[in-house]
């Protein structure tokens, strides 16, 4: 019996772990890397067709996002998850496929102009549809046998609707071992979903460490904070613009706003409109509203609402915007309103249009409800830079800027320690992953020193014997070059983002020309066709720098 750490090792994203037991190869999560990449990950040492099963802790793309690529390349086993995780994967993986196809299409148009090689998307919508057919779902607390010698149980991780910790019980020959994967553990007393369940006993624990060096502090009164911000903004005649992640955070905000409206906390603005402007967020909101199917995943308060026939996140004045035309109309309406839109860090998506229309307005407010990474548009706004660049235009930051303090979907350091300590029988060993490079190490040290359980933070490629807990093979540490890190960090906010901005401006111009004269329309058509001819002829191409820096490799003893 062996466990091999492949992804989210000394990194926060790209979760992937391989279990070899009872003659079977089992993956726990297979996610995409997002944001800054510190280390090169080892490939799965088994061809997709020889993987027997996949277990998925939750639907977030950094845990689920590469599973369709596994299916594309030959995986045909079952994917085990909770029913709520399956329902969210239906929309999130389809959205991811659309992104993969769009990026590949753009790269291929660019390659064709320089007679370069064509690329395939990581996967397409057909691969996602094939993936969804492989899901086999269970509720929390149901123990089930997967193979002879392998059984599993899901418990509530409290991070996202349907998120789970997974206990695998393994039997090989005369040896029995158990491994508990924490998954992403959630914060406490959050809207809609329950707090994380205490852990089941296990020989080995794989625990996340996203906030392994931080404390959230005392839980703020989110409703009072939001009431103050909405009231003061509407009184000034402005809009409250909220950049938010489409799945999970948006629905929590709707829950809070529903309560604020029901309790009549906002004075003088009865029925104020609230827009959710993101196709993915709208789809996720519809999933969360499927109450009868998802009732087992909600907390007690939400379950009581559902039993009384109340939807926990829908209310009068809520407007769901799907099409681009519906999105544009939001900013033509002068009624003071709340606008919730993706993406959470303002790097792409419709939120940038709403910022363009509101950042310069002293009466409006931009409210942040999630962490903003260094270098993002969101961080620059929080830092109150004088201007930010949107759609090739400098937009003054004159609006009010607020942050909903303390809101987080992850357990903090003490919550993680408390969860681990509540095991009736201490684990033989703890493996720490899913955290920043230094955080993984410091949290492993903290567990060892404060709880008396030996903890270790494996790197990608490290293999451990599950009979003894000893490392039997060390992966080679390959640190990603700084240039590659910078390229990955700016991929969505660099040259291609500017191209998208330019395209959006052109689309707006073309729309306005519907009522123009025939001669003006002809002149614009000529300009566009002239530009396209120049592009298609390959003029103005820049040579790529082929000198790539070599990665430095560190061999561990």
Protein backbone atom coordinates (compact mmCIF):
# COMPACT_ATOMS: atom_id res chain seq x y z
CA UNK A 1 0.00 0.00 0.00
CA UNK A 2 1.39 3.35 -1.07
CA UNK A 3 0.42 7.01 -1.20
CA UNK A 4 2.01 9.38 -3.74
CA UNK A 5 1.65 13.15 -3.46
CA UNK A 6 1.37 14.82 -6.86
CA UNK A 7 -0.44 18.16 -6.64
CA UNK A 8 -1.01 20.89 -4.01
CA UNK A 9 2.29 19.82 -2.41
CA UNK A 10 3.83 22.97 -0.91
CA UNK A 11 1.27 24.83 -3.06
CA UNK A 12 -2.35 25.87 -2.60
CA UNK A 13 -3.93 24.61 -5.82
CA UNK A 14 -3.87 21.61 -8.16
CA UNK A 15 -4.84 18.96 -5.60
CA UNK A 16 -4.01 15.39 -6.63
CA UNK A 17 -3.00 12.31 -4.62
CA UNK A 18 -2.59 8.69 -5.74
CA UNK A 19 -3.40 5.70 -3.51
CA UNK A 20 -2.21 2.23 -4.53
CA UNK A 21 -3.88 -0.51 -2.50
CA UNK A 22 -5.68 -3.84 -2.93
CA UNK A 23 -4.33 -4.00 -6.48
CA UNK A 24 -6.13 -0.75 -7.40
CA UNK A 25 -4.99 2.75 -8.42
CA UNK A 26 -7.15 5.45 -6.84
CA UNK A 27 -6.93 9.22 -7.30
CA UNK A 28 -8.19 11.67 -4.72
CA UNK A 29 -8.92 14.93 -6.60
CA UNK A 30 -7.36 16.01 -9.88
CA UNK A 31 -7.41 19.79 -9.97
CA UNK A 32 -5.98 22.62 -12.01
CA UNK A 33 -3.20 24.82 -10.76
CA UNK A 34 -4.34 28.41 -10.41
CA UNK A 35 -2.34 31.53 -9.66
CA UNK A 36 1.37 31.43 -8.85
CA UNK A 37 3.03 28.04 -9.45
CA UNK A 38 6.01 27.38 -7.16
CA UNK A 39 7.03 23.81 -8.08
CA UNK A 40 6.74 21.59 -11.12
CA UNK A 41 4.33 18.75 -10.38
CA UNK A 42 5.07 15.14 -11.18
CA UNK A 43 2.81 13.48 -13.71
CA UNK A 44 0.51 10.72 -12.50
CA UNK A 45 2.74 7.59 -12.71
CA UNK A 46 -0.14 5.51 -14.11
CA UNK A 47 -1.79 5.84 -17.51
CA UNK A 48 -5.41 7.10 -17.26
CA UNK A 49 -6.81 3.77 -18.44
CA UNK A 50 -5.18 2.03 -15.47
CA UNK A 51 -6.70 4.32 -12.86
CA UNK A 52 -9.57 2.42 -11.24
CA UNK A 53 -11.45 5.20 -9.43
CA UNK A 54 -11.42 8.90 -8.60
CA UNK A 55 -12.66 10.44 -5.35
CA UNK A 56 -13.57 14.13 -5.43
CA UNK A 57 -13.66 16.22 -2.24
CA UNK A 58 -15.57 19.15 -3.80
CA UNK A 59 -16.38 20.96 -7.03
CA UNK A 60 -13.86 23.83 -7.03
CA UNK A 61 -11.73 23.75 -10.17
CA UNK A 62 -8.44 23.45 -8.27
CA UNK A 63 -9.75 20.05 -7.12
CA UNK A 64 -11.92 18.88 -10.04
CA UNK A 65 -10.71 20.79 -13.10
CA UNK A 66 -8.50 18.16 -14.76
CA UNK A 67 -10.75 15.14 -14.37
CA UNK A 68 -12.27 15.59 -17.88
CA UNK A 69 -8.72 15.45 -19.30
CA UNK A 70 -8.31 12.12 -17.51
CA UNK A 71 -11.49 10.86 -19.18
CA UNK A 72 -10.38 12.21 -22.54
CA UNK A 73 -7.22 10.12 -22.27
CA UNK A 74 -8.82 6.83 -21.31
CA UNK A 75 -10.11 6.82 -17.73
CA UNK A 76 -13.36 4.83 -17.52
CA UNK A 77 -13.79 4.17 -13.79
CA UNK A 78 -16.29 5.72 -11.41
CA UNK A 79 -15.95 9.21 -9.93
CA UNK A 80 -17.17 9.18 -6.33
CA UNK A 81 -18.53 12.39 -4.81
CA UNK A 82 -21.50 13.77 -2.92
CA UNK A 83 -24.63 14.56 -4.93
CA UNK A 84 -24.23 18.31 -4.36
CA UNK A 85 -20.65 18.15 -5.66
CA UNK A 86 -21.91 16.41 -8.79
CA UNK A 87 -24.56 19.09 -9.36
CA UNK A 88 -22.00 21.89 -9.05
CA UNK A 89 -19.54 20.02 -11.29
CA UNK A 90 -22.23 19.95 -13.97
CA UNK A 91 -21.97 23.72 -14.34
CA UNK A 92 -18.35 24.33 -13.32
CA UNK A 93 -16.76 21.72 -15.59
CA UNK A 94 -18.89 22.82 -18.53
CA UNK A 95 -17.79 26.39 -17.91
CA UNK A 96 -14.17 25.22 -17.69
CA UNK A 97 -14.53 23.35 -21.01
CA UNK A 98 -15.79 26.53 -22.65
CA UNK A 99 -12.70 28.37 -21.37
CA UNK A 100 -10.36 25.60 -22.62
CA UNK A 101 -11.98 25.64 -26.07
CA UNK A 102 -11.94 29.45 -26.31
CA UNK A 103 -8.26 29.69 -25.34
CA UNK A 104 -7.27 26.96 -27.80
CA UNK A 105 -9.26 28.66 -30.57
CA UNK A 106 -7.47 31.95 -29.93
CA UNK A 107 -4.05 30.26 -29.81
CA UNK A 108 -4.75 28.42 -33.07
CA UNK A 109 -5.77 31.59 -34.89
CA UNK A 110 -2.53 33.15 -33.71
CA UNK A 111 -0.52 30.05 -34.73
CA UNK A 112 -2.13 29.94 -38.18
CA UNK A 113 -0.92 33.45 -38.95
CA UNK A 114 2.69 32.42 -38.33
CA UNK A 115 2.27 28.91 -39.77
CA UNK A 116 2.73 27.43 -36.32
CA UNK A 117 1.46 24.18 -34.83
CA UNK A 118 -2.17 23.88 -33.84
CA UNK A 119 -3.04 23.03 -30.24
CA UNK A 120 -5.89 21.04 -28.73
CA UNK A 121 -7.85 22.23 -25.72
CA UNK A 122 -7.10 20.36 -22.53
CA UNK A 123 -10.62 19.01 -22.98
CA UNK A 124 -13.88 20.02 -24.59
CA UNK A 125 -17.57 19.93 -23.76
CA UNK A 126 -17.94 16.37 -25.08
CA UNK A 127 -15.24 15.23 -22.63
CA UNK A 128 -17.13 16.90 -19.79
CA UNK A 129 -20.39 15.20 -20.78
CA UNK A 130 -18.57 11.84 -20.77
CA UNK A 131 -17.10 12.71 -17.36
CA UNK A 132 -20.48 13.54 -15.81
CA UNK A 133 -21.77 10.09 -16.78
CA UNK A 134 -19.08 8.48 -14.59
CA UNK A 135 -20.17 10.15 -11.34
CA UNK A 136 -21.51 7.92 -8.59
CA UNK A 137 -22.90 9.89 -5.68
CA UNK A 138 -23.35 9.29 -1.95
CA UNK A 139 -24.53 11.41 0.96
CA UNK A 140 -22.59 12.19 4.11
CA UNK A 141 -22.21 9.31 6.53
CA UNK A 142 -22.88 6.56 3.99
CA UNK A 143 -20.13 3.92 4.08
CA UNK A 144 -19.79 2.00 0.84
CA UNK A 145 -17.48 -0.60 -0.64
CA UNK A 146 -15.70 0.48 -3.82
CA UNK A 147 -13.61 -2.63 -4.46
CA UNK A 148 -12.77 -5.72 -2.50
CA UNK A 149 -10.42 -4.25 0.10
CA UNK A 150 -11.41 -0.59 -0.43
CA UNK A 151 -14.34 1.19 1.27
CA UNK A 152 -15.12 4.88 1.72
CA UNK A 153 -17.16 7.37 3.77
CA UNK A 154 -17.86 11.06 3.12
CA UNK A 155 -18.27 13.59 5.95
CA UNK A 156 -19.14 17.28 5.76
CA UNK A 157 -16.09 19.52 5.32
CA UNK A 158 -18.16 22.74 5.58
CA UNK A 159 -16.30 24.53 2.78
CA UNK A 160 -18.74 24.51 -0.15
CA UNK A 161 -22.13 22.96 -0.75
CA UNK A 162 -21.39 19.22 -0.88
CA UNK A 163 -17.73 19.53 0.11
CA UNK A 164 -16.40 16.51 1.95
CA UNK A 165 -13.65 14.91 3.92
CA UNK A 166 -13.06 11.36 2.68
CA UNK A 167 -12.11 8.34 4.77
CA UNK A 168 -10.64 5.45 2.79
CA UNK A 169 -10.32 2.08 4.53
CA UNK A 170 -7.81 -0.19 2.81
CA UNK A 171 -7.11 -3.89 3.16
CA UNK A 172 -4.28 -5.71 1.42
CA UNK A 173 -3.28 -9.21 2.44
CA UNK A 174 -3.44 -9.25 6.21
CA UNK A 175 -2.84 -5.52 6.60
CA UNK A 176 -5.56 -2.90 7.17
CA UNK A 177 -4.93 0.81 7.06
CA UNK A 178 -7.11 3.93 6.85
CA UNK A 179 -6.39 7.34 5.29
CA UNK A 180 -8.48 10.46 5.96
CA UNK A 181 -8.37 13.33 3.47
CA UNK A 182 -9.59 16.54 5.08
CA UNK A 183 -10.40 18.20 1.77
CA UNK A 184 -10.76 21.96 2.14
CA UNK A 185 -12.13 22.56 5.64
CA UNK A 186 -14.56 25.42 5.98
CA UNK A 187 -14.94 28.36 8.32
CA UNK A 188 -17.65 28.17 11.00
CA UNK A 189 -21.12 29.77 11.28
CA UNK A 190 -21.38 30.53 7.57
CA UNK A 191 -24.68 30.99 5.74
CA UNK A 192 -26.43 28.02 4.09
CA UNK A 193 -23.98 25.21 4.91
CA UNK A 194 -23.06 23.40 8.10
CA UNK A 195 -19.84 23.68 10.08
CA UNK A 196 -17.22 21.02 9.35
CA UNK A 197 -17.90 17.67 10.99
CA UNK A 198 -15.34 16.29 13.39
CA UNK A 199 -12.89 13.87 11.78
CA UNK A 200 -13.29 10.11 11.70
CA UNK A 201 -10.43 8.11 13.19
CA UNK A 202 -7.71 7.09 10.75
CA UNK A 203 -4.15 5.81 10.72
CA UNK A 204 -3.00 8.63 8.42
CA UNK A 205 -4.45 12.10 7.82
CA UNK A 206 -3.87 14.36 4.83
CA UNK A 207 -4.80 17.87 5.99
CA UNK A 208 -4.98 21.15 4.10
CA UNK A 209 -3.15 24.26 5.36
CA UNK A 210 -4.49 27.19 3.30
CA UNK A 211 -4.78 29.32 6.44
CA UNK A 212 -2.30 27.30 8.49
CA UNK A 213 -0.51 30.44 9.67
CA UNK A 214 -3.45 32.83 10.11
CA UNK A 215 -6.39 33.48 12.43
CA UNK A 216 -9.71 34.97 11.32
CA UNK A 217 -10.38 36.66 14.65
CA UNK A 218 -13.81 37.15 16.16
CA UNK A 219 -16.62 36.59 13.67
CA UNK A 220 -17.97 39.99 12.56
CA UNK A 221 -21.66 40.81 12.19
CA UNK A 222 -21.81 40.54 8.39
CA UNK A 223 -25.43 41.63 8.16
CA UNK A 224 -24.79 44.85 10.08
CA UNK A 225 -21.73 45.59 7.94
CA UNK A 226 -23.65 45.04 4.72
CA UNK A 227 -26.65 47.03 5.97
CA UNK A 228 -24.46 50.03 6.72
CA UNK A 229 -22.72 49.87 3.33
CA UNK A 230 -25.92 49.38 1.30
CA UNK A 231 -27.86 52.04 3.23
CA UNK A 232 -25.20 54.75 2.93
CA UNK A 233 -24.56 54.01 -0.76
CA UNK A 234 -28.21 54.03 -1.78
CA UNK A 235 -28.72 57.24 0.24
CA UNK A 236 -25.98 58.86 -1.88
CA UNK A 237 -27.68 57.66 -5.06
CA UNK A 238 -24.87 55.25 -5.94
CA UNK A 239 -24.48 51.56 -6.69
CA UNK A 240 -22.90 48.89 -4.49
CA UNK A 241 -20.64 46.85 -6.79
CA UNK A 242 -19.47 43.51 -5.35
CA UNK A 243 -16.79 41.47 -7.15
CA UNK A 244 -17.54 37.91 -6.06
CA UNK A 245 -16.65 34.34 -6.90
CA UNK A 246 -19.54 32.84 -8.81
CA UNK A 247 -20.02 29.63 -6.84
CA UNK A 248 -20.42 29.66 -3.07
CA UNK A 249 -19.63 33.26 -2.13
CA UNK A 250 -22.32 34.80 -4.36
CA UNK A 251 -25.00 32.55 -2.87
CA UNK A 252 -23.88 33.40 0.68
CA UNK A 253 -24.24 37.09 -0.14
CA UNK A 254 -27.75 36.53 -1.49
CA UNK A 255 -28.63 34.75 1.75
CA UNK A 256 -27.45 37.76 3.77
CA UNK A 257 -29.24 40.29 1.54
CA UNK A 258 -32.47 38.28 1.76
CA UNK A 259 -32.32 38.55 5.55
CA UNK A 260 -31.56 42.26 5.37
CA UNK A 261 -34.55 42.82 3.09
CA UNK A 262 -36.92 40.64 5.14
CA UNK A 263 -36.02 42.46 8.35
CA UNK A 264 -36.55 45.85 6.68
CA UNK A 265 -33.10 47.06 7.63
CA UNK A 266 -32.71 49.35 4.61
CA UNK A 267 -34.79 52.48 5.10
CA UNK A 268 -36.20 54.63 2.28
CA UNK A 269 -35.29 52.27 -0.56
CA UNK A 270 -38.04 49.66 -0.50
CA UNK A 271 -37.55 46.94 -3.09
CA UNK A 272 -34.05 48.07 -4.06
CA UNK A 273 -32.82 45.89 -6.97
CA UNK A 274 -30.04 43.33 -6.61
CA UNK A 275 -28.41 42.05 -9.81
CA UNK A 276 -26.40 38.86 -10.16
CA UNK A 277 -24.48 39.45 -13.38
CA UNK A 278 -22.55 36.29 -14.27
CA UNK A 279 -23.85 33.32 -16.27
CA UNK A 280 -21.94 30.88 -14.03
CA UNK A 281 -23.18 32.57 -10.85
CA UNK A 282 -26.75 32.48 -12.17
CA UNK A 283 -26.46 28.76 -12.91
CA UNK A 284 -24.96 28.13 -9.48
CA UNK A 285 -27.75 30.13 -7.85
CA UNK A 286 -30.28 27.95 -9.66
CA UNK A 287 -28.48 24.83 -8.37
CA UNK A 288 -28.54 26.16 -4.80
CA UNK A 289 -32.26 26.85 -5.23
CA UNK A 290 -33.02 23.18 -6.05
CA UNK A 291 -34.02 22.76 -2.44
CA UNK A 292 -35.65 19.35 -2.42
CA UNK A 293 -32.60 17.64 -3.91
CA UNK A 294 -29.97 19.47 -1.88
CA UNK A 295 -31.74 19.70 1.49
CA UNK A 296 -29.35 17.16 3.13
CA UNK A 297 -26.43 19.54 2.56
CA UNK A 298 -27.87 22.69 4.18
CA UNK A 299 -27.53 23.83 7.78
CA UNK A 300 -30.38 23.70 10.31
CA UNK A 301 -31.60 27.27 9.72
CA UNK A 302 -31.71 26.82 5.96
CA UNK A 303 -33.45 23.45 6.30
CA UNK A 304 -36.14 25.06 8.47
CA UNK A 305 -36.65 27.77 5.85
CA UNK A 306 -37.08 25.14 3.15
CA UNK A 307 -39.54 23.21 5.31
CA UNK A 308 -41.58 26.39 5.65
CA UNK A 309 -41.63 26.79 1.87
CA UNK A 310 -39.11 29.65 1.77
CA UNK A 311 -36.19 29.78 -0.64
CA UNK A 312 -33.08 30.86 1.32
CA UNK A 313 -31.44 32.91 -1.46
CA UNK A 314 -34.30 34.28 -3.58
CA UNK A 315 -36.20 37.46 -2.75
CA UNK A 316 -38.21 40.30 -4.37
CA UNK A 317 -35.97 42.59 -6.37
CA UNK A 318 -33.41 39.89 -7.28
CA UNK A 319 -32.61 39.98 -10.99
CA UNK A 320 -30.46 37.35 -12.68
CA UNK A 321 -28.55 38.60 -15.73
CA UNK A 322 -27.40 36.02 -18.27
CA UNK A 323 -26.97 37.61 -21.69
CA UNK A 324 -24.53 40.39 -22.56
CA UNK A 325 -27.47 42.64 -23.52
CA UNK A 326 -29.01 42.14 -20.06
CA UNK A 327 -25.63 42.96 -18.52
CA UNK A 328 -25.29 46.21 -20.47
CA UNK A 329 -28.76 47.38 -19.47
CA UNK A 330 -27.77 47.31 -15.79
CA UNK A 331 -25.58 50.37 -16.22
CA UNK A 332 -28.17 52.28 -18.27
CA UNK A 333 -30.61 52.15 -15.34
CA UNK A 334 -30.01 55.08 -12.98
CA UNK A 335 -31.82 53.39 -10.06
CA UNK A 336 -29.41 52.86 -7.13
CA UNK A 337 -28.77 49.13 -6.86
CA UNK A 338 -26.55 46.28 -5.70
CA UNK A 339 -24.53 44.52 -8.44
CA UNK A 340 -22.83 41.17 -7.73
CA UNK A 341 -20.59 40.07 -10.58
CA UNK A 342 -17.64 37.80 -11.39
CA UNK A 343 -14.67 37.61 -11.17
CA UNK A 344 -13.68 37.92 -7.54
CA UNK A 345 -10.34 39.68 -8.15
CA UNK A 346 -11.58 41.91 -11.00
CA UNK A 347 -9.17 40.39 -13.50
CA UNK A 348 -11.74 39.34 -16.10
CA UNK A 349 -15.45 39.01 -16.69
CA UNK A 350 -18.36 41.41 -16.48
CA UNK A 351 -17.24 42.97 -13.21
CA UNK A 352 -14.79 45.10 -15.16
CA UNK A 353 -17.66 46.81 -17.02
CA UNK A 354 -19.39 47.64 -13.74
CA UNK A 355 -16.16 49.00 -12.31
CA UNK A 356 -15.72 51.18 -15.38
CA UNK A 357 -19.16 52.69 -14.77
CA UNK A 358 -18.80 53.11 -11.00
CA UNK A 359 -15.18 53.55 -9.88
CA UNK A 360 -15.19 57.25 -10.78
CA UNK A 361 -18.52 57.93 -9.05
CA UNK A 362 -18.06 59.32 -5.53
CA UNK A 363 -21.57 58.15 -4.61
CA UNK A 364 -20.89 54.46 -5.46
CA UNK A 365 -19.18 51.76 -3.39
CA UNK A 366 -17.02 48.81 -4.41
CA UNK A 367 -17.34 46.13 -1.73
CA UNK A 368 -14.74 43.33 -1.59
CA UNK A 369 -15.78 40.02 -0.01
CA UNK A 370 -12.69 37.94 -0.74
CA UNK A 371 -8.91 38.04 -0.75
CA UNK A 372 -7.29 40.15 -3.47
CA UNK A 373 -3.88 38.90 -4.64
CA UNK A 374 -0.96 41.25 -5.17
CA UNK A 375 -0.88 42.75 -8.66
CA UNK A 376 -4.60 42.26 -9.36
CA UNK A 377 -7.01 45.05 -10.23
CA UNK A 378 -8.85 44.29 -7.00
CA UNK A 379 -5.73 44.83 -4.88
CA UNK A 380 -4.96 48.09 -6.69
CA UNK A 381 -8.45 49.37 -5.91
CA UNK A 382 -8.14 48.36 -2.23
CA UNK A 383 -4.79 50.19 -2.14
CA UNK A 384 -6.66 53.27 -3.41
CA UNK A 385 -4.47 53.83 -6.41
CA UNK A 386 -5.44 57.03 -8.15
CA UNK A 387 -6.46 55.25 -11.36
CA UNK A 388 -6.78 51.71 -12.70
CA UNK A 389 -6.70 50.74 -16.34
CA UNK A 390 -9.84 49.12 -17.75
CA UNK A 391 -10.62 48.61 -21.43
CA UNK A 392 -7.55 50.58 -22.43
CA UNK A 393 -8.75 53.57 -20.43
CA UNK A 394 -7.57 55.06 -17.14
CA UNK A 395 -10.49 55.08 -14.70
CA UNK A 396 -10.25 57.30 -11.62
CA UNK A 397 -10.87 55.59 -8.26
CA UNK A 398 -13.16 58.06 -6.50
CA UNK A 399 -15.80 55.69 -5.16
CA UNK A 400 -16.00 54.40 -1.60
CA UNK A 401 -13.99 51.18 -1.15
CA UNK A 402 -15.09 48.72 1.53
CA UNK A 403 -14.08 45.22 2.63
CA UNK A 404 -16.38 42.75 4.38
CA UNK A 405 -13.91 41.89 7.12
CA UNK A 406 -13.35 38.31 8.21
CA UNK A 407 -15.43 36.52 5.58
CA UNK A 408 -13.58 33.42 4.42
CA UNK A 409 -14.44 29.96 3.16
CA UNK A 410 -11.44 28.26 4.81
CA UNK A 411 -10.78 27.20 8.39
CA UNK A 412 -7.99 29.15 10.08
CA UNK A 413 -4.97 27.75 11.92
CA UNK A 414 -6.70 27.08 15.24
CA UNK A 415 -9.77 25.57 13.55
CA UNK A 416 -7.52 23.17 11.63
CA UNK A 417 -5.72 22.18 14.85
CA UNK A 418 -9.01 21.77 16.69
CA UNK A 419 -10.41 19.56 13.92
CA UNK A 420 -7.32 17.35 14.02
CA UNK A 421 -7.31 17.17 17.83
CA UNK A 422 -10.92 15.99 17.99
CA UNK A 423 -9.98 12.55 16.66
CA UNK A 424 -10.73 9.99 19.37
CA UNK A 425 -7.54 8.09 18.54
CA UNK A 426 -4.58 10.19 17.32
CA UNK A 427 -3.33 9.41 13.84
CA UNK A 428 0.00 7.66 13.35
CA UNK A 429 1.13 10.42 11.03
CA UNK A 430 -0.19 13.60 9.43
CA UNK A 431 0.65 14.81 5.94
CA UNK A 432 0.23 18.55 5.35
CA UNK A 433 -0.58 19.87 1.88
CA UNK A 434 -2.69 22.51 0.10
CA UNK A 435 -0.82 25.49 1.52
CA UNK A 436 1.86 27.98 0.55
CA UNK A 437 5.42 26.65 0.52
CA UNK A 438 6.47 27.97 3.95
CA UNK A 439 3.02 27.54 5.49
CA UNK A 440 3.03 23.78 4.82
CA UNK A 441 6.31 23.43 6.68
CA UNK A 442 5.41 25.70 9.59
CA UNK A 443 2.01 24.08 10.08
CA UNK A 444 3.54 20.58 10.02
CA UNK A 445 6.02 21.70 12.69
CA UNK A 446 3.18 23.21 14.74
CA UNK A 447 1.20 19.95 14.63
CA UNK A 448 4.23 17.94 15.75
CA UNK A 449 5.14 20.30 18.58
CA UNK A 450 1.65 21.15 19.86
CA UNK A 451 -0.19 17.88 19.31
CA UNK A 452 2.57 15.29 19.61
CA UNK A 453 1.68 13.72 16.24
CA UNK A 454 4.51 13.51 13.74
CA UNK A 455 3.58 15.64 10.73
CA UNK A 456 5.35 16.09 7.42
CA UNK A 457 4.81 18.30 4.36
CA UNK A 458 5.54 16.17 1.26
CA UNK A 459 6.71 17.55 -2.06
CA UNK A 460 5.34 16.45 -5.42
CA UNK A 461 6.67 13.00 -6.24
CA UNK A 462 7.13 11.86 -2.64
CA UNK A 463 5.93 8.28 -2.06
CA UNK A 464 5.10 6.80 1.36
CA UNK A 465 4.50 3.23 2.48
CA UNK A 466 1.08 3.08 4.15
CA UNK A 467 2.05 0.09 6.26
CA UNK A 468 4.91 1.87 8.02
CA UNK A 469 4.31 5.54 7.17
CA UNK A 470 7.91 5.83 6.01
CA UNK A 471 8.96 7.63 2.83
CA UNK A 472 10.17 5.10 0.27
CA UNK A 473 10.91 7.53 -2.57
CA UNK A 474 11.66 11.24 -2.68
CA UNK A 475 10.60 13.26 -5.68
CA UNK A 476 13.06 15.69 -7.21
CA UNK A 477 12.24 19.28 -6.32
CA UNK A 478 11.90 21.35 -9.48
CA UNK A 479 11.25 24.99 -8.73
CA UNK A 480 9.35 26.91 -11.40
CA UNK A 481 11.41 29.71 -12.89
CA UNK A 482 10.50 33.26 -11.91
CA UNK A 483 9.77 34.12 -15.52
CA UNK A 484 7.30 31.26 -15.82
CA UNK A 485 5.64 32.30 -12.55
CA UNK A 486 5.23 35.85 -13.79
CA UNK A 487 3.82 34.61 -17.09
CA UNK A 488 1.26 32.43 -15.31
CA UNK A 489 0.35 35.20 -12.88
CA UNK A 490 -0.31 37.73 -15.64
CA UNK A 491 -1.87 35.37 -18.18
CA UNK A 492 -5.39 36.67 -17.63
CA UNK A 493 -4.43 40.28 -17.07
CA UNK A 494 -1.76 40.92 -19.66
CA UNK A 495 -1.75 41.27 -23.41
CA UNK A 496 -4.69 38.96 -24.03
CA UNK A 497 -6.83 40.87 -21.54
CA UNK A 498 -6.03 44.09 -23.41
CA UNK A 499 -7.03 42.38 -26.64
CA UNK A 500 -10.37 41.40 -25.10
CA UNK A 501 -10.85 44.97 -23.90
CA UNK A 502 -10.19 46.29 -27.39
CA UNK A 503 -12.63 43.76 -28.84
CA UNK A 504 -15.31 44.84 -26.34
CA UNK A 505 -14.83 48.48 -27.32
CA UNK A 506 -15.13 47.58 -30.99
CA UNK A 507 -18.29 45.57 -30.30
CA UNK A 508 -19.81 48.57 -28.51
CA UNK A 509 -18.97 50.82 -31.47
CA UNK A 510 -20.52 48.39 -33.93
CA UNK A 511 -23.68 48.20 -31.81
CA UNK A 512 -23.98 52.00 -31.77
CA UNK A 513 -23.59 52.11 -35.56
CA UNK A 514 -26.96 50.35 -36.00
CA UNK A 515 -28.57 53.80 -36.35
CA UNK A 516 -25.68 55.40 -38.30
CA UNK A 517 -25.80 56.53 -41.91
CA UNK A 518 -25.01 54.12 -44.74
CA UNK A 519 -21.79 55.99 -45.54
CA UNK A 520 -20.57 55.87 -41.91
CA UNK A 521 -21.34 52.16 -41.73
CA UNK A 522 -19.47 51.58 -45.00
CA UNK A 523 -16.44 53.55 -43.77
CA UNK A 524 -16.27 51.54 -40.52
CA UNK A 525 -16.69 48.28 -42.42
CA UNK A 526 -13.78 49.26 -44.67
CA UNK A 527 -11.55 50.03 -41.68
CA UNK A 528 -12.33 46.69 -40.02
CA UNK A 529 -11.81 44.73 -43.24
CA UNK A 530 -8.51 46.54 -43.87
CA UNK A 531 -7.32 45.66 -40.36
CA UNK A 532 -8.37 42.03 -40.78
CA UNK A 533 -6.52 41.77 -44.10
CA UNK A 534 -3.36 43.06 -42.45
CA UNK A 535 -3.69 40.57 -39.57
CA UNK A 536 -4.40 37.63 -41.85
CA UNK A 537 -1.43 38.47 -44.05
CA UNK A 538 0.82 38.14 -41.00
CA UNK A 539 2.18 41.72 -41.07
CA UNK A 540 3.62 43.13 -37.91
CA UNK A 541 4.39 39.74 -36.33
CA UNK A 542 6.93 39.79 -33.54
CA UNK A 543 9.58 37.14 -33.15
CA UNK A 544 9.39 35.02 -30.06
CA UNK A 545 12.38 34.87 -27.77
CA UNK A 546 13.42 31.23 -27.85
CA UNK A 547 15.99 31.53 -25.08
CA UNK A 548 14.28 29.88 -22.12
CA UNK A 549 15.87 29.84 -18.68
CA UNK A 550 16.60 26.42 -17.25
CA UNK A 551 14.95 25.38 -14.01
CA UNK A 552 17.13 24.70 -11.05
CA UNK A 553 16.69 21.26 -9.53
CA UNK A 554 17.36 20.35 -5.93
CA UNK A 555 17.98 16.70 -5.08
CA UNK A 556 16.90 15.70 -1.57
CA UNK A 557 18.52 12.99 0.42
